[in-house]
C-alpha cells in the first residue's frame, strides 16, 4: 500500500501519533507534494494514466497540473489509486 496519503495521516491521528514523516517534493511550478520517490524521481510507486513509464521522471521537471491529472499511486487497492497529495492538504489533516 502507498504511504504518505490522507488515509495514512488520518490513521496516524486515530492511533494517537503526534507527528508523521512527510517527504516533500517540489514541482517545476513551485507546488509541494508529499511522497517517497527515488532520487528525486517518481520511482515505481506511481503510474501514469496514459501508461507511459514515469519511474525515472524527475518530479521537479513536471507541473502540479500534470501530477494532479496524470499521476496515480501504483497499487492494487482502489482506495489508494489517487494522485499524490499536496503538502498543504497533508498539513491540514
Protein backbone atom coordinates (compact mmCIF):
# COMPACT_ATOMS: atom_id res chain seq x y z
CA UNK A 1 0.00 0.00 0.00
CA UNK A 2 1.21 3.54 -0.62
CA UNK A 3 2.44 5.66 2.23
CA UNK A 4 2.09 9.37 2.87
CA UNK A 5 -1.56 9.55 1.87
CA UNK A 6 -4.54 11.23 3.54
CA UNK A 7 -5.67 7.81 4.76
CA UNK A 8 -2.28 7.33 6.43
CA UNK A 9 -2.44 10.74 8.12
CA UNK A 10 -5.94 10.01 9.44
CA UNK A 11 -4.93 6.58 10.69
CA UNK A 12 -1.88 8.01 12.49
CA UNK A 13 -4.09 10.62 14.15
CA UNK A 14 -6.62 7.97 15.17
CA UNK A 15 -3.81 5.87 16.68
CA UNK A 16 -2.63 8.88 18.69
CA UNK A 17 0.58 9.76 16.87
CA UNK A 18 1.63 13.38 17.34
CA UNK A 19 3.71 13.54 14.17
CA UNK A 20 4.25 11.82 10.85
CA UNK A 21 7.14 11.92 8.41
CA UNK A 22 6.50 13.67 5.12
CA UNK A 23 8.89 13.52 2.18
CA UNK A 24 8.33 16.75 0.31
CA UNK A 25 8.90 17.12 -3.44
CA UNK A 26 8.62 20.36 -5.43
CA UNK A 27 7.30 20.62 -8.99
CA UNK A 28 8.53 22.90 -11.78
CA UNK A 29 5.75 25.38 -10.94
CA UNK A 30 6.66 25.51 -7.25
CA UNK A 31 3.97 23.28 -5.73
CA UNK A 32 4.86 20.87 -2.93
CA UNK A 33 3.78 17.21 -2.79
CA UNK A 34 4.31 14.54 -0.14
CA UNK A 35 5.52 11.12 -1.22
CA UNK A 36 8.53 8.85 -1.26
CA UNK A 37 10.36 8.80 -4.55
CA UNK A 38 13.60 7.50 -5.96
CA UNK A 39 16.43 10.04 -6.15
CA UNK A 40 14.01 12.88 -6.95
CA UNK A 41 12.04 10.78 -9.45
CA UNK A 42 8.62 9.17 -9.13
CA UNK A 43 10.06 5.66 -8.93
CA UNK A 44 7.96 2.54 -9.19
CA UNK A 45 5.33 3.69 -6.68
CA UNK A 46 3.46 5.65 -9.36
CA UNK A 47 1.86 5.08 -12.73
CA UNK A 48 0.83 7.44 -15.47
CA UNK A 49 -2.78 7.30 -16.61
CA UNK A 50 -1.57 7.20 -20.21
CA UNK A 51 0.58 4.17 -19.29
CA UNK A 52 3.93 5.82 -20.03
CA UNK A 53 6.81 4.85 -17.75
CA UNK A 54 7.35 7.71 -15.31
CA UNK A 55 9.62 5.89 -12.88
CA UNK A 56 12.70 7.92 -13.92
CA UNK A 57 10.87 11.24 -14.42
CA UNK A 58 12.21 13.88 -12.06
CA UNK A 59 9.38 15.47 -10.06
CA UNK A 60 10.92 18.94 -10.40
CA UNK A 61 10.55 18.75 -14.21
CA UNK A 62 6.75 18.39 -14.24
CA UNK A 63 3.93 20.72 -13.24
CA UNK A 64 1.42 20.26 -10.47
CA UNK A 65 -1.30 20.05 -13.12
CA UNK A 66 0.46 17.06 -14.66
CA UNK A 67 0.64 15.30 -11.29
CA UNK A 68 -2.99 16.05 -10.43
CA UNK A 69 -4.31 14.93 -13.82
CA UNK A 70 -1.95 12.13 -14.88
CA UNK A 71 -0.15 10.50 -11.94
CA UNK A 72 -1.64 7.87 -9.62
CA UNK A 73 -0.30 5.57 -6.93
CA UNK A 74 0.67 2.18 -8.38
CA UNK A 75 -1.41 -0.07 -6.16
CA UNK A 76 -3.99 -2.82 -6.32
CA UNK A 77 -6.09 -1.08 -3.64
CA UNK A 78 -8.76 1.09 -5.24
CA UNK A 79 -8.99 3.45 -2.25
CA UNK A 80 -5.34 4.39 -2.77
CA UNK A 81 -5.42 4.95 -6.55
CA UNK A 82 -5.20 8.71 -6.14
CA UNK A 83 -2.80 11.40 -7.18
CA UNK A 84 -0.09 12.23 -4.64
CA UNK A 85 -1.25 14.77 -2.07
CA UNK A 86 -0.08 18.35 -1.84
CA UNK A 87 1.76 19.45 1.26
CA UNK A 88 -0.98 21.88 2.35
CA UNK A 89 -3.56 19.07 2.21
CA UNK A 90 -1.39 16.80 4.36
CA UNK A 91 -0.71 19.60 6.84
CA UNK A 92 -4.42 20.30 7.13
CA UNK A 93 -5.04 16.66 8.01
